[in-house]
Amino acid sequence: MLWTLPQLEQLQPAQVVQAHTSPLHLERKALVQEAETIGAQGGLAWETRQINRVLQSQSAHLDKIFNFAPLMDKGGLLPPVLIKGHRQAHYGPDLIRTARAVYRIVQPATFHSVTPTWRSYLIRHFQVPSLASIPPALLPHNSKQRQIWERAAALGWSAGVEEAHSIYRQDLARLTTDITGMIQFQRLLIEGKVSTPVMAVAHLGIERGERLDDEAQRMAIGVAERRITRPAGFQGPRHWRVLPR
C-alpha cells in the first residue's frame, strides 16, 4: 500500500496496534523524529512513483534519445566514457600553462550482458514505510501530539519529495554524461585520437565442474573468454586523421 500525506498525518495508534494504548509520555523530539522519518520515506516513495509514470509515458521518445545499441559491439563491449573540458589553465609563480581543450577518460570500456537503457538509470523504486513497525509510544495519543505529528510528517514529506527530484536529477546527469561521453569517444576514435581497448580471446573448449554443495555437475562446450588486456587510451598526433567537413 502506498500511503499518502493525509493518511500519514491522520495516523492513529489504533491503525497500527489494535486494542493497545501506550502509558508512556511521548517526548516531543522522539515524536517529531519518527513523524519526519515516516513522512520523508513516504514522500520519497510517492514522488518517485510519479516520476516513473511520467518517464514511462515518454518511453518512446526517450528510447530514441538515449539509445546505447549503436555504441555496443557484438561482444557486448561499451566504449569508455570521455569528457571534454574547455580553456583550462594552471598557474605557478613564474609559469602559466593553458589548454584550449582537455579530454579525460572517466570510465573505462565495460562488458554488458544486455544493452543498457535509460530505464536502468532513471527508473527507481523505494520501499513504502511500514507503519506497522512504528512503536505505539511514538504515535500521537492526544490533540497536541497530533498537531506535532502532522507538522513533522508534512515537513518530512516535503523533504522526501525534494530528495526524489534530487536523485532523479543526479541519475539524469549520469545518464547524459555516460551516453554523450561514449559518443565523444567514438568521434575521437574516427579521428584517430584515441585507441580501442586491446582484447585477448582465449578458446577454452570444454569446461567441467565437479559436484559442490549438492549442486549438479555441469559441462560447458565451446567456452571462449574475452579479456581487456590494455585499456583505451589517447593517441599521439601522428595517428590523427583530418576528416572532411
C-alpha atoms as a PDB file:
ATOM      1  CA  MET A   1       0.000   0.000   0.000  1.00  0.00           C
ATOM      2  CA  LEU A   2       1.316   3.456  -0.943  1.00  0.00           C
ATOM      3  CA  TRP A   3       0.411   5.866   1.857  1.00  0.00           C
ATOM      4  CA  THR A   4      -0.468   9.474   1.058  1.00  0.00           C
ATOM      5  CA  LEU A   5       0.455  12.518   3.130  1.00  0.00           C
ATOM      6  CA  PRO A   6      -3.098  12.996   4.524  1.00  0.00           C
ATOM      7  CA  GLN A   7      -3.110   9.365   5.652  1.00  0.00           C
ATOM      8  CA  LEU A   8       0.239   9.778   7.363  1.00  0.00           C
ATOM      9  CA  GLU A   9      -0.910  12.975   9.039  1.00  0.00           C
ATOM     10  CA  GLN A  10      -4.046  11.327  10.396  1.00  0.00           C
ATOM     11  CA  LEU A  11      -2.293   8.192  11.581  1.00  0.00           C
ATOM     12  CA  GLN A  12      -3.632   6.923  14.886  1.00  0.00           C
ATOM     13  CA  PRO A  13      -2.374   4.212  17.241  1.00  0.00           C
ATOM     14  CA  ALA A  14      -5.432   2.091  16.535  1.00  0.00           C
ATOM     15  CA  GLN A  15      -4.419   1.878  12.887  1.00  0.00           C
ATOM     16  CA  VAL A  16      -1.183   0.198  13.818  1.00  0.00           C
ATOM     17  CA  VAL A  17      -1.799  -1.770  17.007  1.00  0.00           C
ATOM     18  CA  GLN A  18      -5.322  -2.755  17.900  1.00  0.00           C
ATOM     19  CA  ALA A  19      -6.553  -2.560  21.478  1.00  0.00           C
ATOM     20  CA  HIS A  20      -3.330  -1.027  22.708  1.00  0.00           C
ATOM     21  CA  THR A  21      -2.712   2.271  24.456  1.00  0.00           C
ATOM     22  CA  SER A  22       0.699   3.452  25.500  1.00  0.00           C
ATOM     23  CA  PRO A  23       1.150   4.596  29.105  1.00  0.00           C
ATOM     24  CA  LEU A  24       4.403   6.304  28.184  1.00  0.00           C
ATOM     25  CA  HIS A  25       4.721  10.048  27.891  1.00  0.00           C
ATOM     26  CA  LEU A  26       5.779  10.952  24.369  1.00  0.00           C
ATOM     27  CA  GLU A  27       8.818  13.124  24.138  1.00  0.00           C
ATOM     28  CA  ARG A  28       8.363  15.844  21.542  1.00  0.00           C
ATOM     29  CA  LYS A  29      11.757  15.178  19.976  1.00  0.00           C
ATOM     30  CA  ALA A  30      11.091  11.460  19.531  1.00  0.00           C
ATOM     31  CA  LEU A  31       7.629  12.105  18.107  1.00  0.00           C
ATOM     32  CA  VAL A  32       8.919  14.696  15.650  1.00  0.00           C
ATOM     33  CA  GLN A  33      11.804  12.477  14.566  1.00  0.00           C
ATOM     34  CA  GLU A  34       9.539   9.495  13.912  1.00  0.00           C
ATOM     35  CA  ALA A  35       6.954  11.561  12.028  1.00  0.00           C
ATOM     36  CA  GLU A  36       9.607  13.248   9.879  1.00  0.00           C
ATOM     37  CA  THR A  37      11.244   9.908   9.092  1.00  0.00           C
ATOM     38  CA  ILE A  38       7.988   8.229   8.097  1.00  0.00           C
ATOM     39  CA  GLY A  39       6.923  11.316   6.156  1.00  0.00           C
ATOM     40  CA  ALA A  40      10.230  11.504   4.276  1.00  0.00           C
ATOM     41  CA  GLN A  41      10.103   7.826   3.358  1.00  0.00           C
ATOM     42  CA  GLY A  42       6.514   8.161   2.189  1.00  0.00           C
ATOM     43  CA  GLY A  43       7.229  11.324   0.197  1.00  0.00           C
ATOM     44  CA  LEU A  44      10.259   9.740  -1.467  1.00  0.00           C
ATOM     45  CA  ALA A  45       8.349   6.592  -2.457  1.00  0.00           C
ATOM     46  CA  TRP A  46       5.293   8.547  -3.627  1.00  0.00           C
ATOM     47  CA  GLU A  47       7.119  11.142  -5.712  1.00  0.00           C
ATOM     48  CA  THR A  48       9.444   8.545  -7.218  1.00  0.00           C
ATOM     49  CA  ARG A  49       6.396   6.646  -8.436  1.00  0.00           C
ATOM     50  CA  GLN A  50       5.049   9.835 -10.034  1.00  0.00           C
ATOM     51  CA  ILE A  51       8.400  10.445 -11.749  1.00  0.00           C
ATOM     52  CA  ASN A  52       8.401   6.867 -13.036  1.00  0.00           C
ATOM     53  CA  ARG A  53       4.922   7.337 -14.500  1.00  0.00           C
ATOM     54  CA  VAL A  54       5.965  10.472 -16.366  1.00  0.00           C
ATOM     55  CA  LEU A  55       9.082   8.745 -17.691  1.00  0.00           C
ATOM     56  CA  GLN A  56       7.122   5.709 -18.854  1.00  0.00           C
ATOM     57  CA  SER A  57       4.663   7.969 -20.666  1.00  0.00           C
ATOM     58  CA  GLN A  58       7.622   9.368 -22.638  1.00  0.00           C
ATOM     59  CA  SER A  59       9.300   5.996 -23.182  1.00  0.00           C
ATOM     60  CA  ALA A  60       9.160   6.027 -26.997  1.00  0.00           C
ATOM     61  CA  HIS A  61      10.828   9.443 -27.106  1.00  0.00           C
ATOM     62  CA  LEU A  62      13.438   8.510 -24.501  1.00  0.00           C
ATOM     63  CA  ASP A  63      14.250   5.260 -26.330  1.00  0.00           C
ATOM     64  CA  LYS A  64      15.343   7.325 -29.327  1.00  0.00           C
ATOM     65  CA  ILE A  65      17.314   9.919 -27.385  1.00  0.00           C
ATOM     66  CA  PHE A  66      19.191   7.527 -25.104  1.00  0.00           C
ATOM     67  CA  ASN A  67      19.976   4.639 -27.451  1.00  0.00           C
ATOM     68  CA  PHE A  68      23.034   2.636 -26.409  1.00  0.00           C
ATOM     69  CA  ALA A  69      22.574  -0.109 -29.025  1.00  0.00           C
ATOM     70  CA  PRO A  70      24.685   1.516 -31.796  1.00  0.00           C
ATOM     71  CA  LEU A  71      27.523   2.029 -29.310  1.00  0.00           C
ATOM     72  CA  MET A  72      27.812  -1.604 -28.184  1.00  0.00           C
ATOM     73  CA  ASP A  73      29.886  -4.054 -30.192  1.00  0.00           C
ATOM     74  CA  LYS A  74      28.836  -7.634 -30.933  1.00  0.00           C
ATOM     75  CA  GLY A  75      30.734  -8.911 -27.925  1.00  0.00           C
ATOM     76  CA  GLY A  76      28.801  -6.727 -25.508  1.00  0.00           C
ATOM     77  CA  LEU A  77      31.521  -4.109 -25.010  1.00  0.00           C
ATOM     78  CA  LEU A  78      30.536  -0.498 -24.460  1.00  0.00           C
ATOM     79  CA  PRO A  79      33.144   2.200 -25.189  1.00  0.00           C
ATOM     80  CA  PRO A  80      34.757   4.320 -22.496  1.00  0.00           C
ATOM     81  CA  VAL A  81      33.131   7.495 -21.241  1.00  0.00           C
ATOM     82  CA  LEU A  82      35.122  10.556 -22.228  1.00  0.00           C
ATOM     83  CA  ILE A  83      34.540  14.133 -21.127  1.00  0.00           C
ATOM     84  CA  LYS A  84      35.883  17.342 -22.600  1.00  0.00           C
ATOM     85  CA  GLY A  85      36.857  20.483 -20.755  1.00  0.00           C
ATOM     86  CA  HIS A  86      37.390  23.887 -22.337  1.00  0.00           C
ATOM     87  CA  ARG A  87      40.009  26.575 -21.765  1.00  0.00           C
ATOM     88  CA  GLN A  88      41.783  25.218 -18.744  1.00  0.00           C
ATOM     89  CA  ALA A  89      44.723  26.972 -17.131  1.00  0.00           C
ATOM     90  CA  HIS A  90      47.292  26.175 -14.443  1.00  0.00           C
ATOM     91  CA  TYR A  91      49.162  28.969 -12.710  1.00  0.00           C
ATOM     92  CA  GLY A  92      52.539  28.933 -10.984  1.00  0.00           C
ATOM     93  CA  PRO A  93      54.846  31.621  -9.567  1.00  0.00           C
ATOM     94  CA  ASP A  94      56.690  32.021 -12.866  1.00  0.00           C
ATOM     95  CA  LEU A  95      54.567  29.974 -15.280  1.00  0.00           C
ATOM     96  CA  ILE A  96      51.089  29.803 -16.713  1.00  0.00           C
ATOM     97  CA  ARG A  97      50.007  26.813 -18.773  1.00  0.00           C
ATOM     98  CA  THR A  98      46.795  26.993 -20.786  1.00  0.00           C
ATOM     99  CA  ALA A  99      44.906  24.485 -22.898  1.00  0.00           C
ATOM    100  CA  ARG A 100      42.167  25.100 -25.406  1.00  0.00           C
ATOM    101  CA  ALA A 101      40.591  21.718 -24.646  1.00  0.00           C
ATOM    102  CA  VAL A 102      41.271  18.867 -22.225  1.00  0.00           C
ATOM    103  CA  TYR A 103      39.927  15.322 -22.651  1.00  0.00           C
ATOM    104  CA  ARG A 104      39.680  12.773 -19.875  1.00  0.00           C
ATOM    105  CA  ILE A 105      38.536   9.150 -19.861  1.00  0.00           C
ATOM    106  CA  VAL A 106      36.432   8.958 -16.712  1.00  0.00           C
ATOM    107  CA  GLN A 107      35.088   5.428 -17.178  1.00  0.00           C
ATOM    108  CA  PRO A 108      36.797   2.532 -18.986  1.00  0.00           C
ATOM    109  CA  ALA A 109      35.189   0.267 -21.553  1.00  0.00           C
ATOM    110  CA  THR A 110      32.929  -2.311 -19.898  1.00  0.00           C
ATOM    111  CA  PHE A 111      31.244  -5.577 -20.845  1.00  0.00           C
ATOM    112  CA  HIS A 112      27.462  -5.888 -20.562  1.00  0.00           C
ATOM    113  CA  SER A 113      25.249  -8.934 -20.922  1.00  0.00           C
ATOM    114  CA  VAL A 114      22.373  -6.741 -22.113  1.00  0.00           C
ATOM    115  CA  THR A 115      22.321  -3.328 -23.721  1.00  0.00           C
ATOM    116  CA  PRO A 116      21.727  -0.603 -21.113  1.00  0.00           C
ATOM    117  CA  THR A 117      18.697   1.633 -21.485  1.00  0.00           C
ATOM    118  CA  TRP A 118      17.579   4.853 -19.867  1.00  0.00           C
ATOM    119  CA  ARG A 119      15.381   2.744 -17.576  1.00  0.00           C
ATOM    120  CA  SER A 120      18.382   1.220 -15.816  1.00  0.00           C
ATOM    121  CA  TYR A 121      19.493   4.759 -14.966  1.00  0.00           C
ATOM    122  CA  LEU A 122      16.249   6.603 -14.255  1.00  0.00           C
ATOM    123  CA  ILE A 123      13.647   4.130 -13.011  1.00  0.00           C
ATOM    124  CA  ARG A 124      13.909   3.677  -9.264  1.00  0.00           C
ATOM    125  CA  HIS A 125      11.807   2.047  -6.595  1.00  0.00           C
ATOM    126  CA  PHE A 126      11.824   2.907  -2.913  1.00  0.00           C
ATOM    127  CA  GLN A 127      10.167   0.898  -0.200  1.00  0.00           C
ATOM    128  CA  VAL A 128       6.990   2.308   1.268  1.00  0.00           C
ATOM    129  CA  PRO A 129       7.366   2.871   5.025  1.00  0.00           C
ATOM    130  CA  SER A 130       5.951   0.093   7.154  1.00  0.00           C
ATOM    131  CA  LEU A 131       3.597   1.812   9.546  1.00  0.00           C
ATOM    132  CA  ALA A 132       3.041  -1.422  11.439  1.00  0.00           C
ATOM    133  CA  SER A 133       6.642  -1.216  12.641  1.00  0.00           C
ATOM    134  CA  ILE A 134       6.148   2.097  14.457  1.00  0.00           C
ATOM    135  CA  PRO A 135       6.224   1.606  18.232  1.00  0.00           C
ATOM    136  CA  PRO A 136       2.866   2.675  19.726  1.00  0.00           C
ATOM    137  CA  ALA A 137       4.727   5.013  22.077  1.00  0.00           C
ATOM    138  CA  LEU A 138       5.895   7.029  19.064  1.00  0.00           C
ATOM    139  CA  LEU A 139       2.387   7.660  17.733  1.00  0.00           C
ATOM    140  CA  PRO A 140       0.219  10.657  18.692  1.00  0.00           C
ATOM    141  CA  HIS A 141      -2.206   9.995  21.536  1.00  0.00           C
ATOM    142  CA  ASN A 142      -3.832  13.409  22.008  1.00  0.00           C
ATOM    143  CA  SER A 143      -4.632  16.552  20.047  1.00  0.00           C
ATOM    144  CA  LYS A 144      -1.413  18.337  20.975  1.00  0.00           C
ATOM    145  CA  GLN A 145       0.711  15.397  19.922  1.00  0.00           C
ATOM    146  CA  ARG A 146      -1.355  15.105  16.741  1.00  0.00           C
ATOM    147  CA  GLN A 147      -0.541  18.698  15.807  1.00  0.00           C
ATOM    148  CA  ILE A 148       3.142  17.991  16.350  1.00  0.00           C
ATOM    149  CA  TRP A 149       2.880  14.794  14.304  1.00  0.00           C
ATOM    150  CA  GLU A 150       1.047  16.460  11.400  1.00  0.00           C
ATOM    151  CA  ARG A 151       3.556  19.301  11.116  1.00  0.00           C
ATOM    152  CA  ALA A 152       6.536  16.954  11.308  1.00  0.00           C
ATOM    153  CA  ALA A 153       5.027  14.463   8.838  1.00  0.00           C
ATOM    154  CA  ALA A 154       4.328  17.254   6.342  1.00  0.00           C
ATOM    155  CA  LEU A 155       7.872  18.579   6.738  1.00  0.00           C
ATOM    156  CA  GLY A 156       9.326  15.114   6.241  1.00  0.00           C
ATOM    157  CA  TRP A 157       7.076  14.504   3.237  1.00  0.00           C
ATOM    158  CA  SER A 158       8.319  17.679   1.550  1.00  0.00           C
ATOM    159  CA  ALA A 159      11.906  16.634   2.205  1.00  0.00           C
ATOM    160  CA  GLY A 160      11.191  13.212   0.699  1.00  0.00           C
ATOM    161  CA  VAL A 161       9.665  14.763  -2.418  1.00  0.00           C
ATOM    162  CA  GLU A 162      12.678  17.033  -2.846  1.00  0.00           C
ATOM    163  CA  GLU A 163      15.026  14.077  -2.374  1.00  0.00           C
ATOM    164  CA  ALA A 164      13.175  12.168  -5.121  1.00  0.00           C
ATOM    165  CA  HIS A 165      13.750  15.049  -7.542  1.00  0.00           C
ATOM    166  CA  SER A 166      17.373  15.397  -6.442  1.00  0.00           C
ATOM    167  CA  ILE A 167      18.000  11.697  -7.081  1.00  0.00           C
ATOM    168  CA  TYR A 168      16.311  11.970 -10.477  1.00  0.00           C
ATOM    169  CA  ARG A 169      18.479  14.948 -11.454  1.00  0.00           C
ATOM    170  CA  GLN A 170      21.630  13.092 -10.418  1.00  0.00           C
ATOM    171  CA  ASP A 171      20.581   9.972 -12.338  1.00  0.00           C
ATOM    172  CA  LEU A 172      19.731  12.012 -15.430  1.00  0.00           C
ATOM    173  CA  ALA A 173      23.095  13.780 -15.264  1.00  0.00           C
ATOM    174  CA  ARG A 174      24.903  10.433 -15.021  1.00  0.00           C
ATOM    175  CA  LEU A 175      22.910   9.031 -17.955  1.00  0.00           C
ATOM    176  CA  THR A 176      23.635  12.109 -20.068  1.00  0.00           C
ATOM    177  CA  THR A 177      27.326  12.070 -19.166  1.00  0.00           C
ATOM    178  CA  ASP A 178      27.662   8.379 -19.994  1.00  0.00           C
ATOM    179  CA  ILE A 179      25.980   8.363 -23.385  1.00  0.00           C
ATOM    180  CA  THR A 180      27.433  11.673 -24.590  1.00  0.00           C
ATOM    181  CA  GLY A 181      30.854  10.593 -23.305  1.00  0.00           C
ATOM    182  CA  MET A 182      30.661   7.339 -25.264  1.00  0.00           C
ATOM    183  CA  ILE A 183      29.622   9.216 -28.397  1.00  0.00           C
ATOM    184  CA  GLN A 184      32.502  11.640 -27.839  1.00  0.00           C
ATOM    185  CA  PHE A 185      34.910   8.705 -27.607  1.00  0.00           C
ATOM    186  CA  GLN A 186      33.592   7.247 -30.869  1.00  0.00           C
ATOM    187  CA  ARG A 187      34.129  10.582 -32.599  1.00  0.00           C
ATOM    188  CA  LEU A 188      37.729  10.795 -31.420  1.00  0.00           C
ATOM    189  CA  LEU A 189      38.242   7.183 -32.464  1.00  0.00           C
ATOM    190  CA  ILE A 190      37.234   8.050 -36.026  1.00  0.00           C
ATOM    191  CA  GLU A 191      39.672  10.969 -35.901  1.00  0.00           C
ATOM    192  CA  GLY A 192      42.464   8.656 -34.732  1.00  0.00           C
ATOM    193  CA  LYS A 193      42.895  10.490 -31.441  1.00  0.00           C
ATOM    194  CA  VAL A 194      42.087   7.522 -29.203  1.00  0.00           C
ATOM    195  CA  SER A 195      42.743   3.795 -29.374  1.00  0.00           C
ATOM    196  CA  THR A 196      40.321   0.988 -28.662  1.00  0.00           C
ATOM    197  CA  PRO A 197      40.952  -1.442 -25.817  1.00  0.00           C
ATOM    198  CA  VAL A 198      43.238  -4.349 -26.655  1.00  0.00           C
ATOM    199  CA  MET A 199      41.424  -7.653 -26.290  1.00  0.00           C
ATOM    200  CA  ALA A 200      42.731 -11.147 -25.658  1.00  0.00           C
ATOM    201  CA  VAL A 201      40.497 -14.026 -26.705  1.00  0.00           C
ATOM    202  CA  ALA A 202      41.014 -17.488 -25.241  1.00  0.00           C
ATOM    203  CA  HIS A 203      39.186 -20.521 -26.621  1.00  0.00           C
ATOM    204  CA  LEU A 204      38.926 -22.831 -23.637  1.00  0.00           C
ATOM    205  CA  GLY A 205      36.985 -25.609 -25.329  1.00  0.00           C
ATOM    206  CA  ILE A 206      35.212 -27.691 -22.706  1.00  0.00           C
ATOM    207  CA  GLU A 207      34.808 -26.933 -19.016  1.00  0.00           C
ATOM    208  CA  ARG A 208      33.600 -29.488 -16.489  1.00  0.00           C
ATOM    209  CA  GLY A 209      32.513 -28.655 -12.979  1.00  0.00           C
ATOM    210  CA  GLU A 210      32.602 -31.032 -10.024  1.00  0.00           C
ATOM    211  CA  ARG A 211      29.667 -31.530  -7.684  1.00  0.00           C
ATOM    212  CA  LEU A 212      29.758 -28.894  -4.975  1.00  0.00           C
ATOM    213  CA  ASP A 213      27.313 -28.279  -2.125  1.00  0.00           C
ATOM    214  CA  ASP A 214      24.785 -30.702  -3.583  1.00  0.00           C
ATOM    215  CA  GLU A 215      24.681 -28.868  -6.919  1.00  0.00           C
ATOM    216  CA  ALA A 216      24.594 -30.909 -10.111  1.00  0.00           C
ATOM    217  CA  GLN A 217      27.742 -31.354 -12.144  1.00  0.00           C
ATOM    218  CA  ARG A 218      28.000 -29.154 -15.205  1.00  0.00           C
ATOM    219  CA  MET A 219      29.782 -29.165 -18.539  1.00  0.00           C
ATOM    220  CA  ALA A 220      30.176 -26.178 -20.869  1.00  0.00           C
ATOM    221  CA  ILE A 221      31.157 -26.694 -24.513  1.00  0.00           C
ATOM    222  CA  GLY A 222      32.808 -24.166 -26.805  1.00  0.00           C
ATOM    223  CA  VAL A 223      33.889 -21.884 -23.982  1.00  0.00           C
ATOM    224  CA  ALA A 224      35.576 -18.666 -25.066  1.00  0.00           C
ATOM    225  CA  GLU A 225      36.859 -15.835 -22.908  1.00  0.00           C
ATOM    226  CA  ARG A 226      37.395 -12.214 -23.878  1.00  0.00           C
ATOM    227  CA  ARG A 227      39.528 -10.076 -21.625  1.00  0.00           C
ATOM    228  CA  ILE A 228      40.670  -6.466 -21.826  1.00  0.00           C
ATOM    229  CA  THR A 229      44.460  -6.562 -21.569  1.00  0.00           C
ATOM    230  CA  ARG A 230      45.086  -2.884 -22.283  1.00  0.00           C
ATOM    231  CA  PRO A 231      42.514  -0.143 -21.766  1.00  0.00           C
ATOM    232  CA  ALA A 232      41.657   2.503 -24.304  1.00  0.00           C
ATOM    233  CA  GLY A 233      43.984   5.492 -24.419  1.00  0.00           C
ATOM    234  CA  PHE A 234      44.929   8.635 -26.274  1.00  0.00           C
ATOM    235  CA  GLN A 235      46.966   8.562 -29.487  1.00  0.00           C
ATOM    236  CA  GLY A 236      49.838  10.828 -30.485  1.00  0.00           C
ATOM    237  CA  PRO A 237      49.383  13.403 -33.278  1.00  0.00           C
ATOM    238  CA  ARG A 238      50.968  11.124 -35.881  1.00  0.00           C
ATOM    239  CA  HIS A 239      47.865   8.908 -35.679  1.00  0.00           C
ATOM    240  CA  TRP A 240      45.372  11.733 -36.095  1.00  0.00           C
ATOM    241  CA  ARG A 241      43.242  11.994 -39.196  1.00  0.00           C
ATOM    242  CA  VAL A 242      41.710  15.133 -40.650  1.00  0.00           C
ATOM    243  CA  LEU A 243      38.150  14.347 -41.608  1.00  0.00           C
ATOM    244  CA  PRO A 244      36.299  16.174 -44.396  1.00  0.00           C
ATOM    245  CA  ARG A 245      33.623  18.542 -43.203  1.00  0.00           C
END
